[in-house]
């Protein structure tokens, strides 16, 4: 198992903060990071290739290359920020992957970040709240590796994840391993539903709003607000349909659903 983080452009970095957004529940983290990459004047500085990725190559307009994740740099008000984005992370289906692949992937990235003096990692992700997502405004749940960071994030309206549980994949391992390297880290999770495989822009908007509030990024929110409104409309319509079905009496003589 080999993960390679290749520097493609030198950048003078001073104690940067990184935001990671790889595919996961509701695509929440990926939507947030990809949106910021479109809105901000970022520059690619590194590529990540791993043999834990699917055994495929990406093609576009006749050109072929290996599947890769990428790290981008953004300088804002004298501070440096990094963004990790991409189409893939090691598979959580252990019929096609292993736990070792996840650890090697996350550790290789953390080693690269430590070499470049990264001080804080924010893994952006989704957290499954099931059917409650359909009729409740999503909140942002946080779990952090230090009390100081946890208390700082509380000032921005996050909800502390008090339940005992697990955060799977890169969203959990990157912060966890980062702490071993002396970096502060947190996982910011937008409440979503695991069945929203095409993405939950409503949950992503909440995470994005938190980042804007904390870091002061200048971002045009109109596009993600429009997407958020559309998904909330769909939830409202679906809830109404489900309520209507529940109110319909069963045919005489039937006391069960078949």
C-alpha atoms as a PDB file:
ATOM      1  CA  UNK A   1       0.000   0.000   0.000  1.00  0.00           C
ATOM      2  CA  UNK A   2       1.522   3.275  -1.124  1.00  0.00           C
ATOM      3  CA  UNK A   3       0.135   6.806  -0.994  1.00  0.00           C
ATOM      4  CA  UNK A   4       2.220   9.510  -2.641  1.00  0.00           C
ATOM      5  CA  UNK A   5       1.721  13.214  -1.965  1.00  0.00           C
ATOM      6  CA  UNK A   6       3.568  15.025  -4.740  1.00  0.00           C
ATOM      7  CA  UNK A   7       4.330  18.733  -4.534  1.00  0.00           C
ATOM      8  CA  UNK A   8       3.592  20.308  -7.924  1.00  0.00           C
ATOM      9  CA  UNK A   9       4.225  23.935  -6.995  1.00  0.00           C
ATOM     10  CA  UNK A  10       6.306  25.462  -4.236  1.00  0.00           C
ATOM     11  CA  UNK A  11       4.440  27.804  -1.913  1.00  0.00           C
ATOM     12  CA  UNK A  12       5.732  29.742   1.060  1.00  0.00           C
ATOM     13  CA  UNK A  13       3.409  28.645   3.819  1.00  0.00           C
ATOM     14  CA  UNK A  14       3.231  30.093   7.301  1.00  0.00           C
ATOM     15  CA  UNK A  15       1.322  27.947   9.804  1.00  0.00           C
ATOM     16  CA  UNK A  16      -1.487  27.137   7.350  1.00  0.00           C
ATOM     17  CA  UNK A  17      -4.923  25.793   8.187  1.00  0.00           C
ATOM     18  CA  UNK A  18      -6.326  22.989   6.005  1.00  0.00           C
ATOM     19  CA  UNK A  19      -9.909  22.036   5.187  1.00  0.00           C
ATOM     20  CA  UNK A  20     -10.545  18.533   3.859  1.00  0.00           C
ATOM     21  CA  UNK A  21     -13.620  17.598   1.841  1.00  0.00           C
ATOM     22  CA  UNK A  22     -13.581  14.110   0.364  1.00  0.00           C
ATOM     23  CA  UNK A  23     -16.681  12.110  -0.679  1.00  0.00           C
ATOM     24  CA  UNK A  24     -18.738  10.875   2.274  1.00  0.00           C
ATOM     25  CA  UNK A  25     -22.239  10.956   3.767  1.00  0.00           C
ATOM     26  CA  UNK A  26     -24.391  13.428   1.841  1.00  0.00           C
ATOM     27  CA  UNK A  27     -21.238  14.650   0.055  1.00  0.00           C
ATOM     28  CA  UNK A  28     -21.337  17.492   2.592  1.00  0.00           C
ATOM     29  CA  UNK A  29     -17.593  18.063   2.970  1.00  0.00           C
ATOM     30  CA  UNK A  30     -16.916  17.700  -0.736  1.00  0.00           C
ATOM     31  CA  UNK A  31     -19.619  20.222  -1.646  1.00  0.00           C
ATOM     32  CA  UNK A  32     -18.192  22.769   0.815  1.00  0.00           C
ATOM     33  CA  UNK A  33     -14.574  22.486  -0.309  1.00  0.00           C
ATOM     34  CA  UNK A  34     -15.419  22.357  -4.014  1.00  0.00           C
ATOM     35  CA  UNK A  35     -17.596  25.457  -3.603  1.00  0.00           C
ATOM     36  CA  UNK A  36     -14.767  27.343  -1.915  1.00  0.00           C
ATOM     37  CA  UNK A  37     -12.362  26.295  -4.655  1.00  0.00           C
ATOM     38  CA  UNK A  38     -14.683  27.840  -7.248  1.00  0.00           C
ATOM     39  CA  UNK A  39     -15.230  31.036  -5.275  1.00  0.00           C
ATOM     40  CA  UNK A  40     -11.690  31.730  -4.041  1.00  0.00           C
ATOM     41  CA  UNK A  41      -8.490  32.422  -5.950  1.00  0.00           C
ATOM     42  CA  UNK A  42      -6.757  29.139  -5.112  1.00  0.00           C
ATOM     43  CA  UNK A  43      -3.730  27.455  -6.670  1.00  0.00           C
ATOM     44  CA  UNK A  44      -2.981  23.748  -6.815  1.00  0.00           C
ATOM     45  CA  UNK A  45       0.200  22.839  -4.950  1.00  0.00           C
ATOM     46  CA  UNK A  46       0.028  19.048  -4.514  1.00  0.00           C
ATOM     47  CA  UNK A  47      -1.473  15.850  -5.902  1.00  0.00           C
ATOM     48  CA  UNK A  48      -2.262  12.647  -4.021  1.00  0.00           C
ATOM     49  CA  UNK A  49      -2.120   9.266  -5.718  1.00  0.00           C
ATOM     50  CA  UNK A  50      -2.758   6.034  -3.828  1.00  0.00           C
ATOM     51  CA  UNK A  51      -3.003   2.378  -4.713  1.00  0.00           C
ATOM     52  CA  UNK A  52      -5.928   2.255  -2.288  1.00  0.00           C
ATOM     53  CA  UNK A  53      -7.954   4.178  -4.892  1.00  0.00           C
ATOM     54  CA  UNK A  54     -10.155   2.293  -7.395  1.00  0.00           C
ATOM     55  CA  UNK A  55      -8.081   0.502 -10.068  1.00  0.00           C
ATOM     56  CA  UNK A  56      -9.130   2.888 -12.822  1.00  0.00           C
ATOM     57  CA  UNK A  57      -7.861   5.854 -14.800  1.00  0.00           C
ATOM     58  CA  UNK A  58      -9.751   9.079 -15.480  1.00  0.00           C
ATOM     59  CA  UNK A  59     -10.296  10.194 -19.067  1.00  0.00           C
ATOM     60  CA  UNK A  60     -11.483  13.550 -20.408  1.00  0.00           C
ATOM     61  CA  UNK A  61     -11.377  14.866 -23.965  1.00  0.00           C
ATOM     62  CA  UNK A  62      -9.106  12.024 -24.976  1.00  0.00           C
ATOM     63  CA  UNK A  63      -6.588  12.575 -22.158  1.00  0.00           C
ATOM     64  CA  UNK A  64      -5.930   9.861 -19.585  1.00  0.00           C
ATOM     65  CA  UNK A  65      -4.506  10.157 -16.080  1.00  0.00           C
ATOM     66  CA  UNK A  66      -4.612   8.347 -12.751  1.00  0.00           C
ATOM     67  CA  UNK A  67      -7.351   9.202 -10.293  1.00  0.00           C
ATOM     68  CA  UNK A  68      -6.004  11.709  -7.785  1.00  0.00           C
ATOM     69  CA  UNK A  69      -6.956  13.970  -4.931  1.00  0.00           C
ATOM     70  CA  UNK A  70      -5.496  17.474  -4.839  1.00  0.00           C
ATOM     71  CA  UNK A  71      -4.376  20.130  -2.358  1.00  0.00           C
ATOM     72  CA  UNK A  72      -4.899  23.825  -3.130  1.00  0.00           C
ATOM     73  CA  UNK A  73      -3.435  26.944  -1.526  1.00  0.00           C
ATOM     74  CA  UNK A  74      -5.186  30.220  -0.759  1.00  0.00           C
ATOM     75  CA  UNK A  75      -3.654  33.317   0.817  1.00  0.00           C
ATOM     76  CA  UNK A  76      -6.085  35.617   2.616  1.00  0.00           C
ATOM     77  CA  UNK A  77      -5.353  38.587   4.879  1.00  0.00           C
ATOM     78  CA  UNK A  78      -1.792  37.465   5.475  1.00  0.00           C
ATOM     79  CA  UNK A  79      -2.766  33.905   6.389  1.00  0.00           C
ATOM     80  CA  UNK A  80      -2.390  30.669   4.446  1.00  0.00           C
ATOM     81  CA  UNK A  81      -5.163  28.147   3.899  1.00  0.00           C
ATOM     82  CA  UNK A  82      -5.094  24.755   2.207  1.00  0.00           C
ATOM     83  CA  UNK A  83      -7.964  22.756   0.732  1.00  0.00           C
ATOM     84  CA  UNK A  84      -7.927  18.998   0.150  1.00  0.00           C
ATOM     85  CA  UNK A  85     -10.437  17.906  -2.469  1.00  0.00           C
ATOM     86  CA  UNK A  86     -10.930  15.030  -4.844  1.00  0.00           C
ATOM     87  CA  UNK A  87     -13.245  12.346  -6.183  1.00  0.00           C
ATOM     88  CA  UNK A  88     -12.202   9.486  -3.927  1.00  0.00           C
ATOM     89  CA  UNK A  89     -10.865   8.140  -0.662  1.00  0.00           C
ATOM     90  CA  UNK A  90     -10.077   4.521   0.297  1.00  0.00           C
ATOM     91  CA  UNK A  91     -13.153   2.302   0.219  1.00  0.00           C
ATOM     92  CA  UNK A  92     -15.045   1.600   3.445  1.00  0.00           C
ATOM     93  CA  UNK A  93     -16.272  -1.626   1.882  1.00  0.00           C
ATOM     94  CA  UNK A  94     -13.713  -4.079   3.239  1.00  0.00           C
ATOM     95  CA  UNK A  95     -14.591  -6.574   0.522  1.00  0.00           C
ATOM     96  CA  UNK A  96     -12.519  -4.320  -1.746  1.00  0.00           C
ATOM     97  CA  UNK A  97     -10.282  -2.501   0.753  1.00  0.00           C
ATOM     98  CA  UNK A  98      -8.604  -2.821   4.138  1.00  0.00           C
ATOM     99  CA  UNK A  99      -8.315  -0.796   7.319  1.00  0.00           C
ATOM    100  CA  UNK A 100      -4.567  -0.558   6.718  1.00  0.00           C
ATOM    101  CA  UNK A 101      -5.210   1.350   3.482  1.00  0.00           C
ATOM    102  CA  UNK A 102      -7.157   4.001   5.369  1.00  0.00           C
ATOM    103  CA  UNK A 103      -4.459   4.461   7.988  1.00  0.00           C
ATOM    104  CA  UNK A 104      -1.671   4.600   5.425  1.00  0.00           C
ATOM    105  CA  UNK A 105      -3.591   7.125   3.331  1.00  0.00           C
ATOM    106  CA  UNK A 106      -4.333   9.411   6.285  1.00  0.00           C
ATOM    107  CA  UNK A 107      -0.849   9.087   7.788  1.00  0.00           C
ATOM    108  CA  UNK A 108       0.845   9.933   4.473  1.00  0.00           C
ATOM    109  CA  UNK A 109      -1.241  13.096   4.165  1.00  0.00           C
ATOM    110  CA  UNK A 110      -0.570  14.091   7.785  1.00  0.00           C
ATOM    111  CA  UNK A 111       3.170  13.603   7.278  1.00  0.00           C
ATOM    112  CA  UNK A 112       3.039  15.962   4.293  1.00  0.00           C
ATOM    113  CA  UNK A 113       1.017  18.518   6.263  1.00  0.00           C
ATOM    114  CA  UNK A 114       3.415  18.362   9.202  1.00  0.00           C
ATOM    115  CA  UNK A 115       6.351  18.958   6.850  1.00  0.00           C
ATOM    116  CA  UNK A 116       4.603  22.126   5.674  1.00  0.00           C
ATOM    117  CA  UNK A 117       3.938  23.405   9.187  1.00  0.00           C
ATOM    118  CA  UNK A 118       0.150  22.952   9.153  1.00  0.00           C
ATOM    119  CA  UNK A 119      -1.250  23.872  12.567  1.00  0.00           C
ATOM    120  CA  UNK A 120      -4.945  23.057  12.268  1.00  0.00           C
ATOM    121  CA  UNK A 121      -7.008  20.537  10.306  1.00  0.00           C
ATOM    122  CA  UNK A 122     -10.750  20.799   9.755  1.00  0.00           C
ATOM    123  CA  UNK A 123     -12.280  17.657   8.274  1.00  0.00           C
ATOM    124  CA  UNK A 124     -15.632  18.591   6.739  1.00  0.00           C
ATOM    125  CA  UNK A 125     -18.209  15.838   6.536  1.00  0.00           C
ATOM    126  CA  UNK A 126     -21.811  14.775   7.000  1.00  0.00           C
ATOM    127  CA  UNK A 127     -23.466  12.999   9.906  1.00  0.00           C
ATOM    128  CA  UNK A 128     -26.490  10.787   9.338  1.00  0.00           C
ATOM    129  CA  UNK A 129     -29.568  11.821  11.337  1.00  0.00           C
ATOM    130  CA  UNK A 130     -31.959   9.683   9.315  1.00  0.00           C
ATOM    131  CA  UNK A 131     -35.490  10.818   8.522  1.00  0.00           C
ATOM    132  CA  UNK A 132     -35.190  13.767  10.925  1.00  0.00           C
ATOM    133  CA  UNK A 133     -33.284  15.581   8.175  1.00  0.00           C
ATOM    134  CA  UNK A 134     -36.499  15.889   6.154  1.00  0.00           C
ATOM    135  CA  UNK A 135     -38.276  18.235   8.560  1.00  0.00           C
ATOM    136  CA  UNK A 136     -35.501  19.843  10.586  1.00  0.00           C
ATOM    137  CA  UNK A 137     -33.022  22.553   9.676  1.00  0.00           C
ATOM    138  CA  UNK A 138     -29.571  20.916   9.737  1.00  0.00           C
ATOM    139  CA  UNK A 139     -27.101  21.827  12.447  1.00  0.00           C
ATOM    140  CA  UNK A 140     -23.323  21.510  12.474  1.00  0.00           C
ATOM    141  CA  UNK A 141     -21.954  18.900  14.867  1.00  0.00           C
ATOM    142  CA  UNK A 142     -18.348  19.050  16.032  1.00  0.00           C
ATOM    143  CA  UNK A 143     -15.815  16.678  17.533  1.00  0.00           C
ATOM    144  CA  UNK A 144     -12.296  18.001  18.191  1.00  0.00           C
ATOM    145  CA  UNK A 145      -8.955  16.701  19.415  1.00  0.00           C
ATOM    146  CA  UNK A 146      -8.440  19.443  22.006  1.00  0.00           C
ATOM    147  CA  UNK A 147     -10.647  21.202  24.544  1.00  0.00           C
ATOM    148  CA  UNK A 148      -9.266  24.577  23.467  1.00  0.00           C
ATOM    149  CA  UNK A 149     -10.354  24.094  19.851  1.00  0.00           C
ATOM    150  CA  UNK A 150     -13.703  22.672  20.942  1.00  0.00           C
ATOM    151  CA  UNK A 151     -14.388  25.698  23.132  1.00  0.00           C
ATOM    152  CA  UNK A 152     -13.356  28.062  20.340  1.00  0.00           C
ATOM    153  CA  UNK A 153     -15.737  26.423  17.869  1.00  0.00           C
ATOM    154  CA  UNK A 154     -18.609  26.621  20.358  1.00  0.00           C
ATOM    155  CA  UNK A 155     -18.554  30.400  19.894  1.00  0.00           C
ATOM    156  CA  UNK A 156     -19.738  29.919  16.303  1.00  0.00           C
ATOM    157  CA  UNK A 157     -22.867  27.935  17.096  1.00  0.00           C
ATOM    158  CA  UNK A 158     -21.741  24.345  16.589  1.00  0.00           C
ATOM    159  CA  UNK A 159     -23.259  21.495  18.571  1.00  0.00           C
ATOM    160  CA  UNK A 160     -20.815  19.331  20.504  1.00  0.00           C
ATOM    161  CA  UNK A 161     -21.079  15.658  19.601  1.00  0.00           C
ATOM    162  CA  UNK A 162     -21.698  14.273  23.101  1.00  0.00           C
ATOM    163  CA  UNK A 163     -22.830  10.851  21.974  1.00  0.00           C
ATOM    164  CA  UNK A 164     -20.246   8.110  21.953  1.00  0.00           C
ATOM    165  CA  UNK A 165     -19.690   6.909  18.410  1.00  0.00           C
ATOM    166  CA  UNK A 166     -17.370   6.549  15.454  1.00  0.00           C
ATOM    167  CA  UNK A 167     -16.362   8.805  12.564  1.00  0.00           C
ATOM    168  CA  UNK A 168     -15.342   6.559   9.693  1.00  0.00           C
ATOM    169  CA  UNK A 169     -12.901   7.136   6.861  1.00  0.00           C
ATOM    170  CA  UNK A 170     -10.755  10.186   6.218  1.00  0.00           C
ATOM    171  CA  UNK A 171     -13.117  12.481   8.157  1.00  0.00           C
ATOM    172  CA  UNK A 172     -12.212  10.644  11.351  1.00  0.00           C
ATOM    173  CA  UNK A 173      -8.699   9.396  10.680  1.00  0.00           C
ATOM    174  CA  UNK A 174      -7.181  12.647   9.393  1.00  0.00           C
ATOM    175  CA  UNK A 175      -8.019  14.568  12.604  1.00  0.00           C
ATOM    176  CA  UNK A 176      -7.150  11.589  14.784  1.00  0.00           C
ATOM    177  CA  UNK A 177      -3.735  11.005  13.232  1.00  0.00           C
ATOM    178  CA  UNK A 178      -3.087  14.754  12.958  1.00  0.00           C
ATOM    179  CA  UNK A 179      -3.257  14.943  16.755  1.00  0.00           C
ATOM    180  CA  UNK A 180      -0.418  12.408  16.940  1.00  0.00           C
ATOM    181  CA  UNK A 181       1.665  14.808  14.833  1.00  0.00           C
ATOM    182  CA  UNK A 182       0.951  17.707  17.184  1.00  0.00           C
ATOM    183  CA  UNK A 183      -1.685  19.405  15.043  1.00  0.00           C
ATOM    184  CA  UNK A 184      -5.040  20.607  16.396  1.00  0.00           C
ATOM    185  CA  UNK A 185      -7.929  19.075  14.503  1.00  0.00           C
ATOM    186  CA  UNK A 186     -11.700  18.948  14.376  1.00  0.00           C
ATOM    187  CA  UNK A 187     -14.404  17.248  12.349  1.00  0.00           C
ATOM    188  CA  UNK A 188     -17.278  19.558  11.384  1.00  0.00           C
ATOM    189  CA  UNK A 189     -20.317  17.522  10.366  1.00  0.00           C
ATOM    190  CA  UNK A 190     -23.490  18.819   8.757  1.00  0.00           C
ATOM    191  CA  UNK A 191     -26.625  16.892   9.683  1.00  0.00           C
ATOM    192  CA  UNK A 192     -27.849  14.944   6.669  1.00  0.00           C
ATOM    193  CA  UNK A 193     -29.385  11.671   5.524  1.00  0.00           C
ATOM    194  CA  UNK A 194     -27.231   8.812   4.305  1.00  0.00           C
ATOM    195  CA  UNK A 195     -29.629   8.279   1.384  1.00  0.00           C
ATOM    196  CA  UNK A 196     -28.809  11.684  -0.143  1.00  0.00           C
ATOM    197  CA  UNK A 197     -26.182  10.182  -2.411  1.00  0.00           C
ATOM    198  CA  UNK A 198     -26.308  13.116  -4.846  1.00  0.00           C
ATOM    199  CA  UNK A 199     -25.467  15.621  -2.142  1.00  0.00           C
ATOM    200  CA  UNK A 200     -27.084  17.679   0.598  1.00  0.00           C
ATOM    201  CA  UNK A 201     -26.505  21.336  -0.238  1.00  0.00           C
ATOM    202  CA  UNK A 202     -28.579  22.431   2.744  1.00  0.00           C
ATOM    203  CA  UNK A 203     -26.229  20.756   5.219  1.00  0.00           C
ATOM    204  CA  UNK A 204     -23.212  21.938   3.221  1.00  0.00           C
ATOM    205  CA  UNK A 205     -24.465  25.533   3.374  1.00  0.00           C
ATOM    206  CA  UNK A 206     -24.570  25.380   7.167  1.00  0.00           C
ATOM    207  CA  UNK A 207     -20.961  24.180   7.352  1.00  0.00           C
ATOM    208  CA  UNK A 208     -19.898  26.821   4.840  1.00  0.00           C
ATOM    209  CA  UNK A 209     -21.614  29.585   6.827  1.00  0.00           C
ATOM    210  CA  UNK A 210     -19.705  28.508   9.917  1.00  0.00           C
ATOM    211  CA  UNK A 211     -16.366  28.680   8.089  1.00  0.00           C
ATOM    212  CA  UNK A 212     -17.195  32.132   6.731  1.00  0.00           C
ATOM    213  CA  UNK A 213     -18.102  33.316  10.216  1.00  0.00           C
ATOM    214  CA  UNK A 214     -14.894  31.964  11.760  1.00  0.00           C
ATOM    215  CA  UNK A 215     -12.364  32.730   9.023  1.00  0.00           C
ATOM    216  CA  UNK A 216     -13.961  35.704   7.272  1.00  0.00           C
ATOM    217  CA  UNK A 217     -13.818  34.313   3.721  1.00  0.00           C
ATOM    218  CA  UNK A 218     -15.555  36.464   1.103  1.00  0.00           C
ATOM    219  CA  UNK A 219     -17.876  34.075  -0.714  1.00  0.00           C
ATOM    220  CA  UNK A 220     -20.880  34.598  -2.996  1.00  0.00           C
ATOM    221  CA  UNK A 221     -23.469  32.313  -1.398  1.00  0.00           C
ATOM    222  CA  UNK A 222     -26.220  32.685  -4.015  1.00  0.00           C
ATOM    223  CA  UNK A 223     -25.573  29.427  -5.859  1.00  0.00           C
ATOM    224  CA  UNK A 224     -25.466  27.206  -2.786  1.00  0.00           C
ATOM    225  CA  UNK A 225     -28.455  29.028  -1.288  1.00  0.00           C
ATOM    226  CA  UNK A 226     -30.452  28.232  -4.426  1.00  0.00           C
ATOM    227  CA  UNK A 227     -29.462  24.559  -4.242  1.00  0.00           C
ATOM    228  CA  UNK A 228     -30.321  24.530  -0.542  1.00  0.00           C
ATOM    229  CA  UNK A 229     -33.794  25.945  -1.182  1.00  0.00           C
ATOM    230  CA  UNK A 230     -34.442  23.289  -3.833  1.00  0.00           C
ATOM    231  CA  UNK A 231     -33.550  20.397  -1.538  1.00  0.00           C
ATOM    232  CA  UNK A 232     -35.653  21.803   1.312  1.00  0.00           C
ATOM    233  CA  UNK A 233     -38.608  22.098  -1.105  1.00  0.00           C
ATOM    234  CA  UNK A 234     -38.132  18.459  -2.049  1.00  0.00           C
ATOM    235  CA  UNK A 235     -38.121  17.475   1.641  1.00  0.00           C
ATOM    236  CA  UNK A 236     -41.336  19.428   2.259  1.00  0.00           C
ATOM    237  CA  UNK A 237     -43.087  17.761  -0.676  1.00  0.00           C
ATOM    238  CA  UNK A 238     -41.902  14.309   0.375  1.00  0.00           C
ATOM    239  CA  UNK A 239     -43.006  14.844   3.981  1.00  0.00           C
ATOM    240  CA  UNK A 240     -46.451  15.938   2.786  1.00  0.00           C
ATOM    241  CA  UNK A 241     -46.757  12.841   0.599  1.00  0.00           C
ATOM    242  CA  UNK A 242     -45.766  10.563   3.474  1.00  0.00           C
ATOM    243  CA  UNK A 243     -48.267  12.230   5.822  1.00  0.00           C
ATOM    244  CA  UNK A 244     -51.004  11.848   3.211  1.00  0.00           C
ATOM    245  CA  UNK A 245     -50.244   8.150   2.860  1.00  0.00           C
ATOM    246  CA  UNK A 246     -50.325   7.678   6.633  1.00  0.00           C
ATOM    247  CA  UNK A 247     -53.730   9.384   6.867  1.00  0.00           C
ATOM    248  CA  UNK A 248     -55.362   7.127   4.259  1.00  0.00           C
ATOM    249  CA  UNK A 249     -57.359   4.342   5.978  1.00  0.00           C
ATOM    250  CA  UNK A 250     -56.480   0.766   5.155  1.00  0.00           C
ATOM    251  CA  UNK A 251     -59.030  -1.246   3.143  1.00  0.00           C
ATOM    252  CA  UNK A 252     -61.606  -2.982   5.324  1.00  0.00           C
ATOM    253  CA  UNK A 253     -60.331  -6.224   6.788  1.00  0.00           C
ATOM    254  CA  UNK A 254     -56.648  -5.370   6.404  1.00  0.00           C
ATOM    255  CA  UNK A 255     -54.667  -4.568   9.541  1.00  0.00           C
ATOM    256  CA  UNK A 256     -51.188  -4.728   8.088  1.00  0.00           C
ATOM    257  CA  UNK A 257     -49.160  -3.277   5.234  1.00  0.00           C
ATOM    258  CA  UNK A 258     -48.116  -5.643   2.466  1.00  0.00           C
END
